[in-house]
Amino acid sequence: MLRINRQTDYAVRVVLALAQESMGTRMSTKEIGAAMLIPKNFLPRIVAKLAQKKIVVTFAGRDGGLQLARESQDITLKDIVEAFEGPLVLSECIPGDDFCPFEDACFVRPRWTRLQQVILDELDSTSFLDLAEEIKTKRGIPPTNILPLSA
């Protein structure tokens, strides 16, 4: 079954929490965990990987926390999925030539390839700014006052 794992889902929530704030705003992992219903034992690994992939920047100390490393419109769902899941490959027959024993005689491979591309295009075209704006719109919140999902 094609399924995004829990860690990836939580990573999306972390980035979405930050995307709802003004660029440069720091949030503590405690705030994010509470707002996005993420168990605290998952957060250190998720934040470390997001920082390693240069999606967030972390700050140590009493006034520390984390913030987005770049503008939310420049971070996509694909960035997060690939950071935590690796490249999306829908079927083993897609990776390339000489991999499928049926090669050009296969009528299913082109469909798997198209379906994979549709998924990748959707992930790549969905920025965290888009997602944050959808939340604002559904809640009727003015652009200057975006709140976490749990509010």
N, C-alpha and C. Protein backbone atom coordinates (compact mmCIF):
# COMPACT_ATOMS: atom_id res chain seq x y z
N MET A 1 0.84 -1.18 0.00
CA MET A 1 0.00 0.00 0.00
C MET A 1 0.89 1.25 0.00
N LEU A 2 0.57 2.17 -0.84
CA LEU A 2 1.27 3.45 -0.88
C LEU A 2 0.75 4.30 0.28
N ARG A 3 1.66 4.66 1.18
CA ARG A 3 1.23 5.37 2.37
C ARG A 3 2.37 6.23 2.90
N ILE A 4 2.04 7.46 3.24
CA ILE A 4 3.01 8.35 3.88
C ILE A 4 3.14 7.91 5.33
N ASN A 5 4.37 7.77 5.82
CA ASN A 5 4.53 7.30 7.20
C ASN A 5 4.23 8.42 8.20
N ARG A 6 4.06 8.02 9.44
CA ARG A 6 3.67 8.95 10.51
C ARG A 6 4.70 10.07 10.69
N GLN A 7 5.98 9.73 10.60
CA GLN A 7 7.02 10.74 10.76
C GLN A 7 6.91 11.81 9.68
N THR A 8 6.62 11.41 8.46
CA THR A 8 6.44 12.38 7.37
C THR A 8 5.23 13.26 7.64
N ASP A 9 4.14 12.66 8.08
CA ASP A 9 2.94 13.43 8.41
C ASP A 9 3.25 14.46 9.50
N TYR A 10 3.97 14.05 10.53
CA TYR A 10 4.33 14.99 11.59
C TYR A 10 5.25 16.08 11.07
N ALA A 11 6.16 15.74 10.18
CA ALA A 11 7.06 16.75 9.60
C ALA A 11 6.26 17.79 8.82
N VAL A 12 5.25 17.34 8.09
CA VAL A 12 4.37 18.27 7.36
C VAL A 12 3.70 19.21 8.37
N ARG A 13 3.25 18.67 9.48
CA ARG A 13 2.60 19.51 10.50
C ARG A 13 3.55 20.53 11.10
N VAL A 14 4.81 20.13 11.34
CA VAL A 14 5.80 21.06 11.87
C VAL A 14 5.98 22.23 10.91
N VAL A 15 6.19 21.92 9.65
CA VAL A 15 6.42 22.97 8.65
C VAL A 15 5.16 23.83 8.49
N LEU A 16 4.00 23.21 8.52
CA LEU A 16 2.76 23.97 8.39
C LEU A 16 2.56 24.92 9.57
N ALA A 17 2.90 24.49 10.77
CA ALA A 17 2.80 25.39 11.93
C ALA A 17 3.67 26.62 11.72
N LEU A 18 4.89 26.40 11.25
CA LEU A 18 5.81 27.51 11.02
C LEU A 18 5.36 28.38 9.84
N ALA A 19 4.78 27.76 8.82
CA ALA A 19 4.34 28.49 7.63
C ALA A 19 3.18 29.43 7.94
N GLN A 20 2.47 29.16 9.00
CA GLN A 20 1.34 30.02 9.37
C GLN A 20 1.79 31.29 10.09
N GLU A 21 3.06 31.34 10.42
CA GLU A 21 3.63 32.51 11.09
C GLU A 21 4.38 33.38 10.08
N SER A 22 4.69 34.58 10.48
CA SER A 22 5.49 35.47 9.63
C SER A 22 6.89 34.90 9.48
N MET A 23 7.49 35.13 8.34
CA MET A 23 8.85 34.66 8.09
C MET A 23 9.77 35.21 9.17
N GLY A 24 10.60 34.35 9.72
CA GLY A 24 11.53 34.76 10.77
C GLY A 24 10.99 34.54 12.17
N THR A 25 9.72 34.16 12.28
CA THR A 25 9.14 33.89 13.59
C THR A 25 9.65 32.56 14.11
N ARG A 26 10.11 32.55 15.35
CA ARG A 26 10.58 31.32 15.98
C ARG A 26 9.45 30.73 16.81
N MET A 27 9.37 29.41 16.77
CA MET A 27 8.43 28.70 17.62
C MET A 27 9.21 27.60 18.34
N SER A 28 8.80 27.31 19.56
CA SER A 28 9.43 26.21 20.28
C SER A 28 8.81 24.90 19.81
N THR A 29 9.56 23.83 19.98
CA THR A 29 9.01 22.53 19.63
C THR A 29 7.82 22.21 20.52
N LYS A 30 7.84 22.70 21.73
CA LYS A 30 6.71 22.48 22.65
C LYS A 30 5.45 23.14 22.10
N GLU A 31 5.56 24.37 21.61
CA GLU A 31 4.42 25.06 21.00
C GLU A 31 3.89 24.31 19.78
N ILE A 32 4.82 23.91 18.93
CA ILE A 32 4.43 23.21 17.70
C ILE A 32 3.78 21.87 18.03
N GLY A 33 4.39 21.14 18.93
CA GLY A 33 3.83 19.85 19.32
C GLY A 33 2.43 19.97 19.86
N ALA A 34 2.21 20.96 20.72
CA ALA A 34 0.88 21.16 21.30
C ALA A 34 -0.13 21.60 20.24
N ALA A 35 0.26 22.53 19.37
CA ALA A 35 -0.65 23.05 18.36
C ALA A 35 -1.00 22.02 17.30
N MET A 36 -0.02 21.16 16.97
CA MET A 36 -0.20 20.22 15.87
C MET A 36 -0.40 18.77 16.33
N LEU A 37 -0.56 18.59 17.64
CA LEU A 37 -0.84 17.27 18.20
C LEU A 37 0.22 16.24 17.81
N ILE A 38 1.47 16.62 18.01
CA ILE A 38 2.60 15.75 17.69
C ILE A 38 3.21 15.28 19.01
N PRO A 39 3.31 13.97 19.22
CA PRO A 39 3.94 13.48 20.45
C PRO A 39 5.37 14.01 20.58
N LYS A 40 5.73 14.44 21.80
CA LYS A 40 7.04 15.09 21.99
C LYS A 40 8.22 14.16 21.71
N ASN A 41 8.04 12.85 21.80
CA ASN A 41 9.16 11.96 21.52
C ASN A 41 9.49 11.90 20.02
N PHE A 42 8.60 12.31 19.15
CA PHE A 42 8.87 12.33 17.70
C PHE A 42 9.60 13.61 17.28
N LEU A 43 9.37 14.67 17.99
CA LEU A 43 9.85 15.98 17.54
C LEU A 43 11.36 16.12 17.37
N PRO A 44 12.19 15.66 18.28
CA PRO A 44 13.63 15.86 18.08
C PRO A 44 14.16 15.27 16.77
N ARG A 45 13.73 14.06 16.43
CA ARG A 45 14.20 13.44 15.17
C ARG A 45 13.67 14.18 13.96
N ILE A 46 12.42 14.58 14.03
CA ILE A 46 11.80 15.28 12.91
C ILE A 46 12.49 16.63 12.69
N VAL A 47 12.67 17.38 13.76
CA VAL A 47 13.31 18.69 13.65
C VAL A 47 14.75 18.54 13.16
N ALA A 48 15.46 17.54 13.66
CA ALA A 48 16.85 17.32 13.22
C ALA A 48 16.90 17.06 11.72
N LYS A 49 16.00 16.23 11.22
CA LYS A 49 16.01 15.92 9.79
C LYS A 49 15.61 17.14 8.97
N LEU A 50 14.61 17.89 9.43
CA LEU A 50 14.20 19.12 8.73
C LEU A 50 15.36 20.12 8.69
N ALA A 51 16.11 20.20 9.76
CA ALA A 51 17.27 21.10 9.80
C ALA A 51 18.37 20.60 8.87
N GLN A 52 18.60 19.28 8.88
CA GLN A 52 19.62 18.68 8.00
C GLN A 52 19.29 18.95 6.54
N LYS A 53 18.01 18.91 6.18
CA LYS A 53 17.57 19.14 4.80
C LYS A 53 17.40 20.63 4.50
N LYS A 54 17.76 21.48 5.47
CA LYS A 54 17.72 22.94 5.31
C LYS A 54 16.30 23.46 5.04
N ILE A 55 15.35 22.84 5.73
CA ILE A 55 13.96 23.28 5.65
C ILE A 55 13.65 24.19 6.83
N VAL A 56 14.26 23.88 7.99
CA VAL A 56 14.14 24.74 9.16
C VAL A 56 15.54 25.08 9.66
N VAL A 57 15.59 26.12 10.47
CA VAL A 57 16.80 26.51 11.17
C VAL A 57 16.48 26.42 12.66
N THR A 58 17.38 25.82 13.42
CA THR A 58 17.16 25.68 14.85
C THR A 58 18.04 26.66 15.62
N PHE A 59 17.54 27.07 16.78
CA PHE A 59 18.26 27.98 17.66
C PHE A 59 18.24 27.40 19.06
N ALA A 60 19.41 27.29 19.66
CA ALA A 60 19.52 26.73 21.00
C ALA A 60 19.29 27.81 22.05
N GLY A 61 19.06 27.36 23.26
CA GLY A 61 18.98 28.29 24.38
C GLY A 61 17.57 28.64 24.78
N ARG A 62 17.50 29.49 25.80
CA ARG A 62 16.22 29.88 26.37
C ARG A 62 15.30 30.55 25.35
N ASP A 63 15.84 31.37 24.50
CA ASP A 63 15.05 32.05 23.47
C ASP A 63 15.16 31.33 22.13
N GLY A 64 15.51 30.07 22.16
CA GLY A 64 15.72 29.30 20.94
C GLY A 64 14.42 28.94 20.26
N GLY A 65 14.43 27.82 19.60
CA GLY A 65 13.26 27.36 18.85
C GLY A 65 13.67 27.04 17.43
N LEU A 66 12.70 27.13 16.56
CA LEU A 66 13.00 26.91 15.16
C LEU A 66 12.15 27.81 14.30
N GLN A 67 12.63 28.00 13.09
CA GLN A 67 11.91 28.80 12.10
C GLN A 67 12.21 28.23 10.73
N LEU A 68 11.40 28.63 9.77
CA LEU A 68 11.62 28.16 8.41
C LEU A 68 12.95 28.70 7.89
N ALA A 69 13.65 27.90 7.13
CA ALA A 69 14.93 28.30 6.55
C ALA A 69 14.73 29.15 5.30
N ARG A 70 13.56 29.04 4.70
CA ARG A 70 13.25 29.84 3.51
C ARG A 70 11.76 30.14 3.52
N GLU A 71 11.36 30.99 2.62
CA GLU A 71 9.95 31.41 2.55
C GLU A 71 9.04 30.20 2.34
N SER A 72 7.85 30.26 2.91
CA SER A 72 6.92 29.12 2.83
C SER A 72 6.49 28.83 1.40
N GLN A 73 6.51 29.82 0.53
CA GLN A 73 6.15 29.54 -0.87
C GLN A 73 7.24 28.75 -1.60
N ASP A 74 8.42 28.69 -0.99
CA ASP A 74 9.54 27.95 -1.58
C ASP A 74 9.72 26.56 -1.00
N ILE A 75 8.79 26.13 -0.15
CA ILE A 75 8.83 24.79 0.43
C ILE A 75 7.56 24.07 0.01
N THR A 76 7.72 22.90 -0.58
CA THR A 76 6.57 22.15 -1.08
C THR A 76 6.37 20.85 -0.32
N LEU A 77 5.19 20.29 -0.51
CA LEU A 77 4.93 18.96 0.06
C LEU A 77 5.95 17.94 -0.45
N LYS A 78 6.34 18.08 -1.70
CA LYS A 78 7.34 17.17 -2.27
C LYS A 78 8.66 17.25 -1.50
N ASP A 79 9.06 18.45 -1.10
CA ASP A 79 10.29 18.61 -0.33
C ASP A 79 10.24 17.77 0.95
N ILE A 80 9.12 17.81 1.63
CA ILE A 80 8.99 17.10 2.90
C ILE A 80 8.90 15.60 2.66
N VAL A 81 8.07 15.19 1.71
CA VAL A 81 7.91 13.77 1.44
C VAL A 81 9.25 13.16 1.03
N GLU A 82 9.97 13.80 0.14
CA GLU A 82 11.25 13.24 -0.29
C GLU A 82 12.31 13.29 0.81
N ALA A 83 12.24 14.28 1.69
CA ALA A 83 13.18 14.34 2.80
C ALA A 83 13.01 13.16 3.75
N PHE A 84 11.77 12.73 3.93
CA PHE A 84 11.49 11.67 4.90
C PHE A 84 11.26 10.30 4.28
N GLU A 85 10.81 10.26 3.04
CA GLU A 85 10.49 8.98 2.40
C GLU A 85 11.50 8.60 1.32
N GLY A 86 12.26 9.57 0.84
CA GLY A 86 13.12 9.34 -0.31
C GLY A 86 12.32 9.58 -1.58
N PRO A 87 12.92 9.34 -2.73
CA PRO A 87 12.20 9.58 -3.99
C PRO A 87 10.95 8.70 -4.10
N LEU A 88 9.90 9.29 -4.60
CA LEU A 88 8.65 8.55 -4.78
C LEU A 88 8.75 7.70 -6.04
N VAL A 89 8.62 6.40 -5.87
CA VAL A 89 8.60 5.46 -6.99
C VAL A 89 7.38 4.58 -6.80
N LEU A 90 6.41 4.77 -7.66
CA LEU A 90 5.13 4.07 -7.53
C LEU A 90 5.23 2.59 -7.82
N SER A 91 6.07 2.21 -8.75
CA SER A 91 6.21 0.80 -9.12
C SER A 91 7.68 0.50 -9.41
N GLU A 92 8.07 -0.72 -9.15
CA GLU A 92 9.46 -1.12 -9.42
C GLU A 92 9.80 -1.08 -10.91
N CYS A 93 8.79 -1.08 -11.76
CA CYS A 93 9.09 -1.08 -13.20
C CYS A 93 9.38 0.31 -13.74
N ILE A 94 9.23 1.35 -12.93
CA ILE A 94 9.40 2.71 -13.42
C ILE A 94 10.85 3.20 -13.48
N PRO A 95 11.74 2.81 -12.57
CA PRO A 95 13.03 3.49 -12.48
C PRO A 95 13.80 3.71 -13.78
N GLY A 96 13.76 2.82 -14.72
CA GLY A 96 14.51 3.10 -15.93
C GLY A 96 14.63 1.91 -16.83
N ASP A 97 15.33 2.11 -17.90
CA ASP A 97 15.55 1.06 -18.90
C ASP A 97 16.25 -0.15 -18.28
N ASP A 98 16.02 -1.27 -18.89
CA ASP A 98 16.64 -2.53 -18.48
C ASP A 98 16.23 -3.00 -17.09
N PHE A 99 15.22 -2.40 -16.53
CA PHE A 99 14.76 -2.83 -15.22
C PHE A 99 13.57 -3.77 -15.33
N CYS A 100 12.68 -3.47 -16.27
CA CYS A 100 11.47 -4.27 -16.44
C CYS A 100 11.75 -5.40 -17.45
N PRO A 101 11.40 -6.63 -17.09
CA PRO A 101 11.65 -7.73 -18.02
C PRO A 101 10.80 -7.65 -19.29
N PHE A 102 9.71 -6.87 -19.25
CA PHE A 102 8.85 -6.76 -20.42
C PHE A 102 9.20 -5.57 -21.30
N GLU A 103 10.02 -4.66 -20.75
CA GLU A 103 10.48 -3.47 -21.47
C GLU A 103 9.38 -2.80 -22.29
N ASP A 104 9.55 -2.68 -23.58
CA ASP A 104 8.60 -1.96 -24.43
C ASP A 104 7.30 -2.71 -24.66
N ALA A 105 7.23 -3.97 -24.33
CA ALA A 105 6.02 -4.76 -24.53
C ALA A 105 5.02 -4.58 -23.39
N CYS A 106 5.37 -3.83 -22.36
CA CYS A 106 4.49 -3.66 -21.20
C CYS A 106 3.52 -2.51 -21.45
N PHE A 107 2.24 -2.78 -21.25
CA PHE A 107 1.23 -1.75 -21.45
C PHE A 107 0.83 -1.08 -20.14
N VAL A 108 1.31 -1.60 -19.03
CA VAL A 108 0.98 -1.02 -17.73
C VAL A 108 1.99 0.04 -17.32
N ARG A 109 3.26 -0.18 -17.63
CA ARG A 109 4.32 0.75 -17.23
C ARG A 109 4.05 2.21 -17.60
N PRO A 110 3.57 2.52 -18.80
CA PRO A 110 3.29 3.93 -19.12
C PRO A 110 2.22 4.53 -18.21
N ARG A 111 1.27 3.72 -17.79
CA ARG A 111 0.23 4.22 -16.89
C ARG A 111 0.77 4.47 -15.49
N TRP A 112 1.61 3.54 -14.99
CA TRP A 112 2.24 3.77 -13.70
C TRP A 112 3.10 5.04 -13.75
N THR A 113 3.80 5.22 -14.84
CA THR A 113 4.67 6.39 -15.00
C THR A 113 3.85 7.68 -14.99
N ARG A 114 2.74 7.69 -15.72
CA ARG A 114 1.87 8.89 -15.74
C ARG A 114 1.28 9.16 -14.36
N LEU A 115 0.81 8.12 -13.69
CA LEU A 115 0.23 8.28 -12.36
C LEU A 115 1.28 8.81 -11.39
N GLN A 116 2.47 8.27 -11.44
CA GLN A 116 3.53 8.77 -10.58
C GLN A 116 3.79 10.25 -10.85
N GLN A 117 3.81 10.64 -12.12
CA GLN A 117 4.07 12.03 -12.47
C GLN A 117 2.97 12.94 -11.96
N VAL A 118 1.72 12.49 -12.01
CA VAL A 118 0.60 13.29 -11.49
C VAL A 118 0.80 13.53 -9.99
N ILE A 119 1.16 12.49 -9.26
CA ILE A 119 1.38 12.62 -7.82
C ILE A 119 2.54 13.57 -7.54
N LEU A 120 3.65 13.39 -8.26
CA LEU A 120 4.81 14.27 -8.07
C LEU A 120 4.48 15.72 -8.40
N ASP A 121 3.73 15.93 -9.48
CA ASP A 121 3.35 17.30 -9.86
C ASP A 121 2.48 17.95 -8.79
N GLU A 122 1.55 17.19 -8.23
CA GLU A 122 0.67 17.73 -7.18
C GLU A 122 1.48 18.07 -5.93
N LEU A 123 2.36 17.18 -5.53
CA LEU A 123 3.21 17.45 -4.36
C LEU A 123 4.10 18.65 -4.59
N ASP A 124 4.65 18.77 -5.80
CA ASP A 124 5.58 19.85 -6.12
C ASP A 124 4.87 21.19 -6.30
N SER A 125 3.60 21.17 -6.65
CA SER A 125 2.87 22.42 -6.87
C SER A 125 2.14 22.90 -5.62
N THR A 126 2.23 22.16 -4.53
CA THR A 126 1.57 22.56 -3.30
C THR A 126 2.62 23.10 -2.33
N SER A 127 2.63 24.41 -2.19
CA SER A 127 3.57 25.04 -1.27
C SER A 127 2.93 25.18 0.10
N PHE A 128 3.77 25.39 1.09
CA PHE A 128 3.25 25.59 2.43
C PHE A 128 2.58 26.95 2.57
N LEU A 129 2.93 27.90 1.71
CA LEU A 129 2.17 29.14 1.69
C LEU A 129 0.74 28.86 1.25
N ASP A 130 0.58 28.04 0.21
CA ASP A 130 -0.76 27.65 -0.25
C ASP A 130 -1.57 27.03 0.88
N LEU A 131 -0.96 26.10 1.60
CA LEU A 131 -1.66 25.42 2.67
C LEU A 131 -2.02 26.38 3.80
N ALA A 132 -1.09 27.26 4.17
CA ALA A 132 -1.37 28.24 5.22
C ALA A 132 -2.50 29.19 4.79
N GLU A 133 -2.49 29.59 3.53
CA GLU A 133 -3.55 30.47 3.03
C GLU A 133 -4.90 29.76 3.05
N GLU A 134 -4.94 28.47 2.72
CA GLU A 134 -6.19 27.72 2.78
C GLU A 134 -6.74 27.70 4.20
N ILE A 135 -5.86 27.52 5.17
CA ILE A 135 -6.29 27.52 6.57
C ILE A 135 -6.88 28.87 6.93
N LYS A 136 -6.20 29.94 6.55
CA LYS A 136 -6.70 31.29 6.84
C LYS A 136 -8.07 31.50 6.23
N THR A 137 -8.21 31.13 4.98
CA THR A 137 -9.47 31.32 4.26
C THR A 137 -10.61 30.56 4.94
N LYS A 138 -10.36 29.31 5.30
CA LYS A 138 -11.41 28.49 5.92
C LYS A 138 -11.80 29.02 7.29
N ARG A 139 -10.89 29.66 7.96
CA ARG A 139 -11.17 30.20 9.30
C ARG A 139 -11.59 31.65 9.29
N GLY A 140 -11.49 32.29 8.14
CA GLY A 140 -11.81 33.70 8.07
C GLY A 140 -10.83 34.57 8.83
N ILE A 141 -9.59 34.13 8.90
CA ILE A 141 -8.56 34.85 9.65
C ILE A 141 -7.85 35.83 8.73
N PRO A 142 -7.70 37.06 9.16
CA PRO A 142 -6.95 38.02 8.33
C PRO A 142 -5.51 37.57 8.14
N PRO A 143 -4.90 37.92 7.02
CA PRO A 143 -3.54 37.47 6.71
C PRO A 143 -2.50 37.79 7.78
N THR A 144 -2.70 38.81 8.59
CA THR A 144 -1.70 39.17 9.59
C THR A 144 -1.86 38.40 10.89
N ASN A 145 -2.87 37.56 11.00
CA ASN A 145 -3.12 36.87 12.26
C ASN A 145 -3.43 35.39 12.02
N ILE A 146 -2.45 34.65 11.56
CA ILE A 146 -2.64 33.23 11.26
C ILE A 146 -2.41 32.45 12.54
N LEU A 147 -3.33 31.55 12.86
CA LEU A 147 -3.23 30.76 14.08
C LEU A 147 -2.93 29.31 13.77
N PRO A 148 -2.39 28.56 14.74
CA PRO A 148 -2.16 27.13 14.55
C PRO A 148 -3.47 26.39 14.29
N LEU A 149 -3.37 25.21 13.71
CA LEU A 149 -4.54 24.40 13.36
C LEU A 149 -5.44 24.12 14.55
N SER A 150 -4.89 23.93 15.74
CA SER A 150 -5.70 23.51 16.88
C SER A 150 -6.46 24.66 17.52
N ALA A 151 -6.22 25.88 17.10
CA ALA A 151 -6.89 27.02 17.72
C ALA A 151 -8.33 27.11 17.29
